[in-house]
PDB file of N, CA and C in Angstrom:
ATOM      1  N   MET A   1      11.889 -10.787   5.952  1.00  0.00           N
ATOM      2  CA  MET A   1      12.086  -9.725   4.974  1.00  0.00           C
ATOM      3  C   MET A   1      10.792  -9.419   4.220  1.00  0.00           C
ATOM      4  N   HIS A   2       9.738  -9.236   4.962  1.00  0.00           N
ATOM      5  CA  HIS A   2       8.434  -8.907   4.382  1.00  0.00           C
ATOM      6  C   HIS A   2       8.513  -7.625   3.554  1.00  0.00           C
ATOM      7  N   GLU A   3       9.257  -6.643   4.056  1.00  0.00           N
ATOM      8  CA  GLU A   3       9.345  -5.352   3.383  1.00  0.00           C
ATOM      9  C   GLU A   3      10.007  -5.468   2.010  1.00  0.00           C
ATOM     10  N   LEU A   4      10.879  -6.450   1.825  1.00  0.00           N
ATOM     11  CA  LEU A   4      11.530  -6.629   0.532  1.00  0.00           C
ATOM     12  C   LEU A   4      10.505  -6.977  -0.548  1.00  0.00           C
ATOM     13  N   GLY A   5       9.622  -7.906  -0.270  1.00  0.00           N
ATOM     14  CA  GLY A   5       8.579  -8.266  -1.231  1.00  0.00           C
ATOM     15  C   GLY A   5       7.675  -7.087  -1.539  1.00  0.00           C
ATOM     16  N   LEU A   6       7.358  -6.309  -0.525  1.00  0.00           N
ATOM     17  CA  LEU A   6       6.524  -5.125  -0.715  1.00  0.00           C
ATOM     18  C   LEU A   6       7.242  -4.103  -1.590  1.00  0.00           C
ATOM     19  N   ALA A   7       8.537  -3.883  -1.312  1.00  0.00           N
ATOM     20  CA  ALA A   7       9.324  -2.939  -2.114  1.00  0.00           C
ATOM     21  C   ALA A   7       9.377  -3.391  -3.569  1.00  0.00           C
ATOM     22  N   GLU A   8       9.517  -4.689  -3.797  1.00  0.00           N
ATOM     23  CA  GLU A   8       9.535  -5.217  -5.162  1.00  0.00           C
ATOM     24  C   GLU A   8       8.199  -4.984  -5.859  1.00  0.00           C
ATOM     25  N   ASP A   9       7.105  -5.196  -5.134  1.00  0.00           N
ATOM     26  CA  ASP A   9       5.773  -4.966  -5.703  1.00  0.00           C
ATOM     27  C   ASP A   9       5.564  -3.498  -6.068  1.00  0.00           C
ATOM     28  N   VAL A  10       5.985  -2.599  -5.174  1.00  0.00           N
ATOM     29  CA  VAL A  10       5.835  -1.163  -5.431  1.00  0.00           C
ATOM     30  C   VAL A  10       6.680  -0.762  -6.633  1.00  0.00           C
ATOM     31  N   LEU A  11       7.915  -1.241  -6.700  1.00  0.00           N
ATOM     32  CA  LEU A  11       8.781  -0.906  -7.825  1.00  0.00           C
ATOM     33  C   LEU A  11       8.182  -1.399  -9.144  1.00  0.00           C
ATOM     34  N   LYS A  12       7.654  -2.597  -9.146  1.00  0.00           N
ATOM     35  CA  LYS A  12       7.030  -3.144 -10.363  1.00  0.00           C
ATOM     36  C   LYS A  12       5.878  -2.252 -10.828  1.00  0.00           C
ATOM     37  N   LEU A  13       5.018  -1.840  -9.884  1.00  0.00           N
ATOM     38  CA  LEU A  13       3.887  -0.975 -10.237  1.00  0.00           C
ATOM     39  C   LEU A  13       4.358   0.386 -10.741  1.00  0.00           C
ATOM     40  N   LEU A  14       5.407   0.931 -10.118  1.00  0.00           N
ATOM     41  CA  LEU A  14       5.939   2.226 -10.551  1.00  0.00           C
ATOM     42  C   LEU A  14       6.518   2.135 -11.962  1.00  0.00           C
ATOM     43  N   LYS A  15       7.224   1.066 -12.247  1.00  0.00           N
ATOM     44  CA  LYS A  15       7.796   0.888 -13.589  1.00  0.00           C
ATOM     45  C   LYS A  15       6.690   0.786 -14.642  1.00  0.00           C
ATOM     46  N   GLU A  16       5.641   0.034 -14.320  1.00  0.00           N
ATOM     47  CA  GLU A  16       4.515  -0.109 -15.252  1.00  0.00           C
ATOM     48  C   GLU A  16       3.838   1.235 -15.508  1.00  0.00           C
ATOM     49  N   LYS A  17       3.606   1.976 -14.428  1.00  0.00           N
ATOM     50  CA  LYS A  17       2.931   3.280 -14.561  1.00  0.00           C
ATOM     51  C   LYS A  17       3.811   4.265 -15.338  1.00  0.00           C
ATOM     52  N   ALA A  18       5.121   4.253 -15.065  1.00  0.00           N
ATOM     53  CA  ALA A  18       6.043   5.134 -15.782  1.00  0.00           C
ATOM     54  C   ALA A  18       6.038   4.793 -17.272  1.00  0.00           C
ATOM     55  N   LYS A  19       6.060   3.507 -17.587  1.00  0.00           N
ATOM     56  CA  LYS A  19       6.043   3.077 -18.985  1.00  0.00           C
ATOM     57  C   LYS A  19       4.747   3.526 -19.665  1.00  0.00           C
ATOM     58  N   ASP A  20       3.615   3.327 -18.971  1.00  0.00           N
ATOM     59  CA  ASP A  20       2.320   3.729 -19.520  1.00  0.00           C
ATOM     60  C   ASP A  20       2.264   5.226 -19.819  1.00  0.00           C
ATOM     61  N   GLN A  21       2.953   6.023 -18.994  1.00  0.00           N
ATOM     62  CA  GLN A  21       2.923   7.478 -19.168  1.00  0.00           C
ATOM     63  C   GLN A  21       4.107   8.002 -19.983  1.00  0.00           C
ATOM     64  N   GLY A  22       4.943   7.089 -20.471  1.00  0.00           N
ATOM     65  CA  GLY A  22       6.079   7.494 -21.300  1.00  0.00           C
ATOM     66  C   GLY A  22       7.188   8.186 -20.530  1.00  0.00           C
ATOM     67  N   LEU A  23       7.296   7.910 -19.245  1.00  0.00           N
ATOM     68  CA  LEU A  23       8.335   8.531 -18.420  1.00  0.00           C
ATOM     69  C   LEU A  23       9.555   7.612 -18.345  1.00  0.00           C
ATOM     70  N   LEU A  24      10.702   8.156 -18.662  1.00  0.00           N
ATOM     71  CA  LEU A  24      11.939   7.368 -18.610  1.00  0.00           C
ATOM     72  C   LEU A  24      12.592   7.441 -17.234  1.00  0.00           C
ATOM     73  N   LYS A  25      12.333   8.510 -16.506  1.00  0.00           N
ATOM     74  CA  LYS A  25      12.929   8.722 -15.186  1.00  0.00           C
ATOM     75  C   LYS A  25      11.880   9.317 -14.265  1.00  0.00           C
ATOM     76  N   LEU A  26      11.793   8.796 -13.053  1.00  0.00           N
ATOM     77  CA  LEU A  26      10.863   9.319 -12.053  1.00  0.00           C
ATOM     78  C   LEU A  26      11.626  10.161 -11.035  1.00  0.00           C
ATOM     79  N   SER A  27      11.045  11.290 -10.660  1.00  0.00           N
ATOM     80  CA  SER A  27      11.646  12.117  -9.616  1.00  0.00           C
ATOM     81  C   SER A  27      10.833  12.062  -8.326  1.00  0.00           C
ATOM     82  N   TYR A  28       9.555  11.646  -8.451  1.00  0.00           N
ATOM     83  CA  TYR A  28       8.665  11.644  -7.283  1.00  0.00           C
ATOM     84  C   TYR A  28       7.541  10.632  -7.492  1.00  0.00           C
ATOM     85  N   ALA A  29       7.157  10.002  -6.407  1.00  0.00           N
ATOM     86  CA  ALA A  29       5.966   9.136  -6.429  1.00  0.00           C
ATOM     87  C   ALA A  29       5.295   9.190  -5.071  1.00  0.00           C
ATOM     88  N   LYS A  30       3.966   9.198  -5.117  1.00  0.00           N
ATOM     89  CA  LYS A  30       3.161   9.096  -3.910  1.00  0.00           C
ATOM     90  C   LYS A  30       2.404   7.780  -4.011  1.00  0.00           C
ATOM     91  N   VAL A  31       2.604   6.927  -2.996  1.00  0.00           N
ATOM     92  CA  VAL A  31       2.034   5.594  -3.019  1.00  0.00           C
ATOM     93  C   VAL A  31       1.243   5.354  -1.732  1.00  0.00           C
ATOM     94  N   ALA A  32      -0.001   4.898  -1.888  1.00  0.00           N
ATOM     95  CA  ALA A  32      -0.809   4.502  -0.730  1.00  0.00           C
ATOM     96  C   ALA A  32      -0.589   3.007  -0.521  1.00  0.00           C
ATOM     97  N   ILE A  33      -0.227   2.650   0.712  1.00  0.00           N
ATOM     98  CA  ILE A  33       0.020   1.252   1.059  1.00  0.00           C
ATOM     99  C   ILE A  33      -0.845   0.908   2.266  1.00  0.00           C
ATOM    100  N   GLY A  34      -1.564  -0.188   2.166  1.00  0.00           N
ATOM    101  CA  GLY A  34      -2.422  -0.625   3.259  1.00  0.00           C
ATOM    102  C   GLY A  34      -1.627  -0.938   4.518  1.00  0.00           C
ATOM    103  N   GLU A  35      -2.182  -0.558   5.658  1.00  0.00           N
ATOM    104  CA  GLU A  35      -1.457  -0.725   6.916  1.00  0.00           C
ATOM    105  C   GLU A  35      -1.160  -2.186   7.250  1.00  0.00           C
ATOM    106  N   THR A  36      -1.889  -3.113   6.676  1.00  0.00           N
ATOM    107  CA  THR A  36      -1.601  -4.522   6.940  1.00  0.00           C
ATOM    108  C   THR A  36      -0.404  -5.012   6.125  1.00  0.00           C
ATOM    109  N   LEU A  37       0.029  -4.229   5.139  1.00  0.00           N
ATOM    110  CA  LEU A  37       1.141  -4.641   4.287  1.00  0.00           C
ATOM    111  C   LEU A  37       2.495  -4.146   4.760  1.00  0.00           C
ATOM    112  N   ILE A  38       2.536  -2.975   5.374  1.00  0.00           N
ATOM    113  CA  ILE A  38       3.822  -2.378   5.737  1.00  0.00           C
ATOM    114  C   ILE A  38       3.994  -2.387   7.254  1.00  0.00           C
ATOM    115  N   THR A  39       5.126  -2.913   7.685  1.00  0.00           N
ATOM    116  CA  THR A  39       5.370  -3.000   9.125  1.00  0.00           C
ATOM    117  C   THR A  39       6.525  -2.122   9.585  1.00  0.00           C
ATOM    118  N   ASP A  40       7.452  -1.798   8.686  1.00  0.00           N
ATOM    119  CA  ASP A  40       8.639  -1.031   9.058  1.00  0.00           C
ATOM    120  C   ASP A  40       8.983  -0.074   7.918  1.00  0.00           C
ATOM    121  N   GLN A  41       8.497   1.170   8.021  1.00  0.00           N
ATOM    122  CA  GLN A  41       8.705   2.134   6.934  1.00  0.00           C
ATOM    123  C   GLN A  41      10.176   2.434   6.666  1.00  0.00           C
ATOM    124  N   PRO A  42      11.006   2.664   7.701  1.00  0.00           N
ATOM    125  CA  PRO A  42      12.424   2.918   7.410  1.00  0.00           C
ATOM    126  C   PRO A  42      13.088   1.752   6.664  1.00  0.00           C
ATOM    127  N   GLU A  43      12.781   0.534   7.060  1.00  0.00           N
ATOM    128  CA  GLU A  43      13.340  -0.627   6.360  1.00  0.00           C
ATOM    129  C   GLU A  43      12.825  -0.685   4.922  1.00  0.00           C
ATOM    130  N   PHE A  44      11.534  -0.415   4.745  1.00  0.00           N
ATOM    131  CA  PHE A  44      10.963  -0.399   3.401  1.00  0.00           C
ATOM    132  C   PHE A  44      11.698   0.606   2.520  1.00  0.00           C
ATOM    133  N   HIS A  45      11.882   1.833   3.021  1.00  0.00           N
ATOM    134  CA  HIS A  45      12.560   2.873   2.235  1.00  0.00           C
ATOM    135  C   HIS A  45      13.995   2.459   1.890  1.00  0.00           C
ATOM    136  N   GLU A  46      14.689   1.874   2.844  1.00  0.00           N
ATOM    137  CA  GLU A  46      16.069   1.431   2.607  1.00  0.00           C
ATOM    138  C   GLU A  46      16.112   0.347   1.533  1.00  0.00           C
ATOM    139  N   LEU A  47      15.240  -0.641   1.649  1.00  0.00           N
ATOM    140  CA  LEU A  47      15.203  -1.722   0.665  1.00  0.00           C
ATOM    141  C   LEU A  47      14.772  -1.205  -0.707  1.00  0.00           C
ATOM    142  N   PHE A  48      13.793  -0.308  -0.726  1.00  0.00           N
ATOM    143  CA  PHE A  48      13.346   0.246  -1.992  1.00  0.00           C
ATOM    144  C   PHE A  48      14.486   0.984  -2.678  1.00  0.00           C
ATOM    145  N   SER A  49      15.231   1.740  -1.918  1.00  0.00           N
ATOM    146  CA  SER A  49      16.369   2.474  -2.466  1.00  0.00           C
ATOM    147  C   SER A  49      17.393   1.519  -3.084  1.00  0.00           C
ATOM    148  N   MET A  50      17.633   0.404  -2.413  1.00  0.00           N
ATOM    149  CA  MET A  50      18.597  -0.578  -2.908  1.00  0.00           C
ATOM    150  C   MET A  50      18.116  -1.243  -4.196  1.00  0.00           C
ATOM    151  N   ILE A  51      16.867  -1.707  -4.211  1.00  0.00           N
ATOM    152  CA  ILE A  51      16.397  -2.473  -5.374  1.00  0.00           C
ATOM    153  C   ILE A  51      16.020  -1.597  -6.564  1.00  0.00           C
ATOM    154  N   SER A  52      15.841  -0.290  -6.334  1.00  0.00           N
ATOM    155  CA  SER A  52      15.470   0.587  -7.446  1.00  0.00           C
ATOM    156  C   SER A  52      16.694   1.086  -8.217  1.00  0.00           C
ATOM    157  N   ALA A  53      17.901   0.758  -7.745  1.00  0.00           N
ATOM    158  CA  ALA A  53      19.120   1.166  -8.450  1.00  0.00           C
ATOM    159  C   ALA A  53      19.075   0.660  -9.892  1.00  0.00           C
ATOM    160  N   GLY A  54      19.355   1.551 -10.819  1.00  0.00           N
ATOM    161  CA  GLY A  54      19.356   1.194 -12.231  1.00  0.00           C
ATOM    162  C   GLY A  54      17.988   1.212 -12.886  1.00  0.00           C
ATOM    163  N   SER A  55      16.957   1.545 -12.130  1.00  0.00           N
ATOM    164  CA  SER A  55      15.602   1.591 -12.673  1.00  0.00           C
ATOM    165  C   SER A  55      15.176   3.056 -12.835  1.00  0.00           C
ATOM    166  N   PRO A  56      14.030   3.293 -13.485  1.00  0.00           N
ATOM    167  CA  PRO A  56      13.537   4.672 -13.603  1.00  0.00           C
ATOM    168  C   PRO A  56      13.249   5.324 -12.241  1.00  0.00           C
ATOM    169  N   ALA A  57      13.125   4.517 -11.205  1.00  0.00           N
ATOM    170  CA  ALA A  57      12.802   5.040  -9.870  1.00  0.00           C
ATOM    171  C   ALA A  57      14.038   5.325  -9.019  1.00  0.00           C
ATOM    172  N   GLU A  58      15.220   5.075  -9.555  1.00  0.00           N
ATOM    173  CA  GLU A  58      16.441   5.278  -8.774  1.00  0.00           C
ATOM    174  C   GLU A  58      16.558   6.727  -8.314  1.00  0.00           C
ATOM    175  N   GLY A  59      16.761   6.921  -7.009  1.00  0.00           N
ATOM    176  CA  GLY A  59      16.986   8.245  -6.443  1.00  0.00           C
ATOM    177  C   GLY A  59      15.760   9.130  -6.312  1.00  0.00           C
ATOM    178  N   MET A  60      14.595   8.648  -6.681  1.00  0.00           N
ATOM    179  CA  MET A  60      13.401   9.492  -6.606  1.00  0.00           C
ATOM    180  C   MET A  60      12.922   9.659  -5.159  1.00  0.00           C
ATOM    181  N   LYS A  61      12.126  10.685  -4.942  1.00  0.00           N
ATOM    182  CA  LYS A  61      11.494  10.890  -3.632  1.00  0.00           C
ATOM    183  C   LYS A  61      10.243  10.028  -3.602  1.00  0.00           C
ATOM    184  N   LEU A  62      10.136   9.185  -2.582  1.00  0.00           N
ATOM    185  CA  LEU A  62       8.983   8.293  -2.439  1.00  0.00           C
ATOM    186  C   LEU A  62       8.207   8.675  -1.189  1.00  0.00           C
ATOM    187  N   GLU A  63       6.980   9.124  -1.391  1.00  0.00           N
ATOM    188  CA  GLU A  63       6.101   9.486  -0.285  1.00  0.00           C
ATOM    189  C   GLU A  63       5.116   8.340  -0.065  1.00  0.00           C
ATOM    190  N   ILE A  64       5.036   7.878   1.181  1.00  0.00           N
ATOM    191  CA  ILE A  64       4.143   6.776   1.535  1.00  0.00           C
ATOM    192  C   ILE A  64       2.956   7.330   2.316  1.00  0.00           C
ATOM    193  N   GLU A  65       1.764   6.952   1.891  1.00  0.00           N
ATOM    194  CA  GLU A  65       0.523   7.268   2.603  1.00  0.00           C
ATOM    195  C   GLU A  65      -0.038   5.928   3.087  1.00  0.00           C
ATOM    196  N   ILE A  66      -0.270   5.802   4.371  1.00  0.00           N
ATOM    197  CA  ILE A  66      -0.778   4.547   4.923  1.00  0.00           C
ATOM    198  C   ILE A  66      -2.306   4.534   4.849  1.00  0.00           C
ATOM    199  N   SER A  67      -2.840   3.498   4.205  1.00  0.00           N
ATOM    200  CA  SER A  67      -4.292   3.318   4.131  1.00  0.00           C
ATOM    201  C   SER A  67      -4.732   2.484   5.322  1.00  0.00           C
ATOM    202  N   PRO A  68      -5.607   3.013   6.165  1.00  0.00           N
ATOM    203  CA  PRO A  68      -6.022   2.267   7.355  1.00  0.00           C
ATOM    204  C   PRO A  68      -6.866   1.043   7.018  1.00  0.00           C
ATOM    205  N   LEU A  69      -6.816   0.071   7.892  1.00  0.00           N
ATOM    206  CA  LEU A  69      -7.638  -1.126   7.751  1.00  0.00           C
ATOM    207  C   LEU A  69      -9.087  -0.750   8.044  1.00  0.00           C
ATOM    208  N   LYS A  70      -9.959  -1.027   7.095  1.00  0.00           N
ATOM    209  CA  LYS A  70     -11.393  -0.771   7.255  1.00  0.00           C
ATOM    210  C   LYS A  70     -12.145  -1.994   6.777  1.00  0.00           C
ATOM    211  N   ALA A  71     -13.295  -2.225   7.376  1.00  0.00           N
ATOM    212  CA  ALA A  71     -14.123  -3.370   7.006  1.00  0.00           C
ATOM    213  C   ALA A  71     -15.573  -2.928   6.848  1.00  0.00           C
ATOM    214  N   VAL A  72     -16.347  -3.775   6.155  1.00  0.00           N
ATOM    215  CA  VAL A  72     -17.774  -3.538   5.955  1.00  0.00           C
ATOM    216  C   VAL A  72     -18.503  -4.802   6.374  1.00  0.00           C
ATOM    217  N   CYS A  73     -19.544  -4.636   7.179  1.00  0.00           N
ATOM    218  CA  CYS A  73     -20.352  -5.766   7.629  1.00  0.00           C
ATOM    219  C   CYS A  73     -21.317  -6.154   6.512  1.00  0.00           C
ATOM    220  N   SER A  74     -21.328  -7.433   6.179  1.00  0.00           N
ATOM    221  CA  SER A  74     -22.268  -7.909   5.152  1.00  0.00           C
ATOM    222  C   SER A  74     -23.700  -7.935   5.678  1.00  0.00           C
ATOM    223  N   GLY A  75     -23.844  -8.006   7.016  1.00  0.00           N
ATOM    224  CA  GLY A  75     -25.178  -8.048   7.609  1.00  0.00           C
ATOM    225  C   GLY A  75     -25.841  -6.692   7.651  1.00  0.00           C
ATOM    226  N   CYS A  76     -25.253  -5.750   8.383  1.00  0.00           N
ATOM    227  CA  CYS A  76     -25.894  -4.443   8.557  1.00  0.00           C
ATOM    228  C   CYS A  76     -25.353  -3.368   7.603  1.00  0.00           C
ATOM    229  N   LYS A  77     -24.338  -3.726   6.808  1.00  0.00           N
ATOM    230  CA  LYS A  77     -23.760  -2.842   5.778  1.00  0.00           C
ATOM    231  C   LYS A  77     -23.019  -1.633   6.334  1.00  0.00           C
ATOM    232  N   LYS A  78     -22.682  -1.637   7.616  1.00  0.00           N
ATOM    233  CA  LYS A  78     -21.965  -0.506   8.206  1.00  0.00           C
ATOM    234  C   LYS A  78     -20.459  -0.717   8.100  1.00  0.00           C
ATOM    235  N   ASP A  79     -19.737   0.404   7.901  1.00  0.00           N
ATOM    236  CA  ASP A  79     -18.277   0.392   7.887  1.00  0.00           C
ATOM    237  C   ASP A  79     -17.768   0.451   9.322  1.00  0.00           C
ATOM    238  N   PHE A  80     -16.603  -0.147   9.545  1.00  0.00           N
ATOM    239  CA  PHE A  80     -15.960  -0.030  10.850  1.00  0.00           C
ATOM    240  C   PHE A  80     -14.476  -0.310  10.718  1.00  0.00           C
ATOM    241  N   ILE A  81     -13.730   0.075  11.740  1.00  0.00           N
ATOM    242  CA  ILE A  81     -12.301  -0.198  11.818  1.00  0.00           C
ATOM    243  C   ILE A  81     -12.111  -1.335  12.811  1.00  0.00           C
ATOM    244  N   PRO A  82     -11.628  -2.491  12.341  1.00  0.00           N
ATOM    245  CA  PRO A  82     -11.436  -3.626  13.250  1.00  0.00           C
ATOM    246  C   PRO A  82     -10.461  -3.266  14.372  1.00  0.00           C
ATOM    247  N   LYS A  83     -10.764  -3.708  15.560  1.00  0.00           N
ATOM    248  CA  LYS A  83      -9.921  -3.469  16.738  1.00  0.00           C
ATOM    249  C   LYS A  83      -9.275  -4.776  17.161  1.00  0.00           C
ATOM    250  N   ASP A  84      -8.009  -4.714  17.496  1.00  0.00           N
ATOM    251  CA  ASP A  84      -7.286  -5.878  18.005  1.00  0.00           C
ATOM    252  C   ASP A  84      -7.474  -7.106  17.128  1.00  0.00           C
ATOM    253  N   LEU A  85      -7.505  -6.895  15.829  1.00  0.00           N
ATOM    254  CA  LEU A  85      -7.681  -7.973  14.856  1.00  0.00           C
ATOM    255  C   LEU A  85      -8.962  -8.781  15.063  1.00  0.00           C
ATOM    256  N   ARG A  86      -9.957  -8.192  15.713  1.00  0.00           N
ATOM    257  CA  ARG A  86     -11.279  -8.830  15.838  1.00  0.00           C
ATOM    258  C   ARG A  86     -12.078  -8.436  14.616  1.00  0.00           C
ATOM    259  N   PHE A  87     -12.538  -9.424  13.899  1.00  0.00           N
ATOM    260  CA  PHE A  87     -13.269  -9.168  12.683  1.00  0.00           C
ATOM    261  C   PHE A  87     -14.742  -9.533  12.839  1.00  0.00           C
ATOM    262  N   ASP A  88     -15.350  -8.961  13.878  1.00  0.00           N
ATOM    263  CA  ASP A  88     -16.798  -9.076  14.019  1.00  0.00           C
ATOM    264  C   ASP A  88     -17.341  -7.652  14.080  1.00  0.00           C
ATOM    265  N   CYS A  89     -18.526  -7.480  13.560  1.00  0.00           N
ATOM    266  CA  CYS A  89     -19.125  -6.158  13.465  1.00  0.00           C
ATOM    267  C   CYS A  89     -19.463  -5.624  14.861  1.00  0.00           C
ATOM    268  N   PRO A  90     -18.966  -4.433  15.189  1.00  0.00           N
ATOM    269  CA  PRO A  90     -19.294  -3.848  16.495  1.00  0.00           C
ATOM    270  C   PRO A  90     -20.730  -3.353  16.581  1.00  0.00           C
ATOM    271  N   HIS A  91     -21.414  -3.274  15.444  1.00  0.00           N
ATOM    272  CA  HIS A  91     -22.786  -2.773  15.414  1.00  0.00           C
ATOM    273  C   HIS A  91     -23.811  -3.890  15.612  1.00  0.00           C
ATOM    274  N   CYS A  92     -23.593  -5.034  14.918  1.00  0.00           N
ATOM    275  CA  CYS A  92     -24.594  -6.107  14.989  1.00  0.00           C
ATOM    276  C   CYS A  92     -24.010  -7.459  15.414  1.00  0.00           C
ATOM    277  N   GLY A  93     -22.663  -7.549  15.527  1.00  0.00           N
ATOM    278  CA  GLY A  93     -22.032  -8.786  15.976  1.00  0.00           C
ATOM    279  C   GLY A  93     -21.751  -9.805  14.883  1.00  0.00           C
ATOM    280  N   SER A  94     -22.142  -9.536  13.660  1.00  0.00           N
ATOM    281  CA  SER A  94     -21.930 -10.472  12.559  1.00  0.00           C
ATOM    282  C   SER A  94     -20.434 -10.681  12.306  1.00  0.00           C
ATOM    283  N   THR A  95     -20.077 -11.896  11.924  1.00  0.00           N
ATOM    284  CA  THR A  95     -18.688 -12.177  11.539  1.00  0.00           C
ATOM    285  C   THR A  95     -18.558 -12.256  10.016  1.00  0.00           C
ATOM    286  N   ASP A  96     -19.631 -11.978   9.301  1.00  0.00           N
ATOM    287  CA  ASP A  96     -19.609 -11.977   7.843  1.00  0.00           C
ATOM    288  C   ASP A  96     -19.238 -10.576   7.384  1.00  0.00           C
ATOM    289  N   ILE A  97     -17.934 -10.300   7.358  1.00  0.00           N
ATOM    290  CA  ILE A  97     -17.460  -8.965   6.990  1.00  0.00           C
ATOM    291  C   ILE A  97     -16.500  -9.065   5.813  1.00  0.00           C
ATOM    292  N   LYS A  98     -16.325  -7.950   5.155  1.00  0.00           N
ATOM    293  CA  LYS A  98     -15.397  -7.833   4.029  1.00  0.00           C
ATOM    294  C   LYS A  98     -14.404  -6.718   4.337  1.00  0.00           C
ATOM    295  N   VAL A  99     -13.133  -6.973   4.061  1.00  0.00           N
ATOM    296  CA  VAL A  99     -12.119  -5.934   4.232  1.00  0.00           C
ATOM    297  C   VAL A  99     -12.265  -4.961   3.069  1.00  0.00           C
ATOM    298  N   ALA A 100     -12.465  -3.689   3.391  1.00  0.00           N
ATOM    299  CA  ALA A 100     -12.682  -2.667   2.370  1.00  0.00           C
ATOM    300  C   ALA A 100     -11.393  -1.946   1.998  1.00  0.00           C
ATOM    301  N   SER A 101     -10.465  -1.822   2.930  1.00  0.00           N
ATOM    302  CA  SER A 101      -9.176  -1.197   2.643  1.00  0.00           C
ATOM    303  C   SER A 101      -8.173  -1.629   3.704  1.00  0.00           C
ATOM    304  N   GLY A 102      -6.909  -1.366   3.411  1.00  0.00           N
ATOM    305  CA  GLY A 102      -5.839  -1.709   4.336  1.00  0.00           C
ATOM    306  C   GLY A 102      -4.940  -2.806   3.805  1.00  0.00           C
ATOM    307  N   ARG A 103      -5.258  -3.319   2.586  1.00  0.00           N
ATOM    308  CA  ARG A 103      -4.435  -4.369   1.985  1.00  0.00           C
ATOM    309  C   ARG A 103      -4.038  -4.023   0.544  1.00  0.00           C
ATOM    310  N   GLU A 104      -4.023  -2.748   0.218  1.00  0.00           N
ATOM    311  CA  GLU A 104      -3.803  -2.356  -1.170  1.00  0.00           C
ATOM    312  C   GLU A 104      -2.504  -1.580  -1.357  1.00  0.00           C
ATOM    313  N   ILE A 105      -2.065  -1.546  -2.608  1.00  0.00           N
ATOM    314  CA  ILE A 105      -0.964  -0.683  -3.043  1.00  0.00           C
ATOM    315  C   ILE A 105      -1.530   0.132  -4.203  1.00  0.00           C
ATOM    316  N   ILE A 106      -1.569   1.450  -4.028  1.00  0.00           N
ATOM    317  CA  ILE A 106      -2.118   2.325  -5.063  1.00  0.00           C
ATOM    318  C   ILE A 106      -1.093   3.403  -5.387  1.00  0.00           C
ATOM    319  N   ILE A 107      -0.720   3.489  -6.651  1.00  0.00           N
ATOM    320  CA  ILE A 107       0.158   4.563  -7.099  1.00  0.00           C
ATOM    321  C   ILE A 107      -0.734   5.779  -7.314  1.00  0.00           C
ATOM    322  N   LYS A 108      -0.585   6.777  -6.454  1.00  0.00           N
ATOM    323  CA  LYS A 108      -1.459   7.943  -6.520  1.00  0.00           C
ATOM    324  C   LYS A 108      -0.925   9.033  -7.445  1.00  0.00           C
ATOM    325  N   GLU A 109       0.408   9.138  -7.509  1.00  0.00           N
ATOM    326  CA  GLU A 109       1.000  10.201  -8.337  1.00  0.00           C
ATOM    327  C   GLU A 109       2.433   9.830  -8.681  1.00  0.00           C
ATOM    328  N   ILE A 110       2.814  10.107  -9.900  1.00  0.00           N
ATOM    329  CA  ILE A 110       4.221   9.981 -10.296  1.00  0.00           C
ATOM    330  C   ILE A 110       4.584  11.172 -11.177  1.00  0.00           C
ATOM    331  N   ARG A 111       5.842  11.514 -11.128  1.00  0.00           N
ATOM    332  CA  ARG A 111       6.349  12.544 -12.057  1.00  0.00           C
ATOM    333  C   ARG A 111       7.842  12.383 -12.189  1.00  0.00           C
TER     334      ARG A 111
END
């Protein structure tokens, strides 16, 4: 039930953002989720709908934007998209890389 934990994390962030903006009820949210975090979007939406009952996010439209996995080589400083979970730089072969995106949850818009 990986998606359940993700849905809980997204709901927590939405509640915090709604509180910060003084919103008592949300009708829409756009959320960027890293591709390494979400594996089954329909299951995520179903679980989110269930756990958001009684919260400011109940019944709102939730738009998901998938953030692709990207990495940066510490050696040559070039960006790349890892292939087949290989985390070595395709430009210089270094294995000293940093994940730049693909593991985040960002609330992009709420209303």
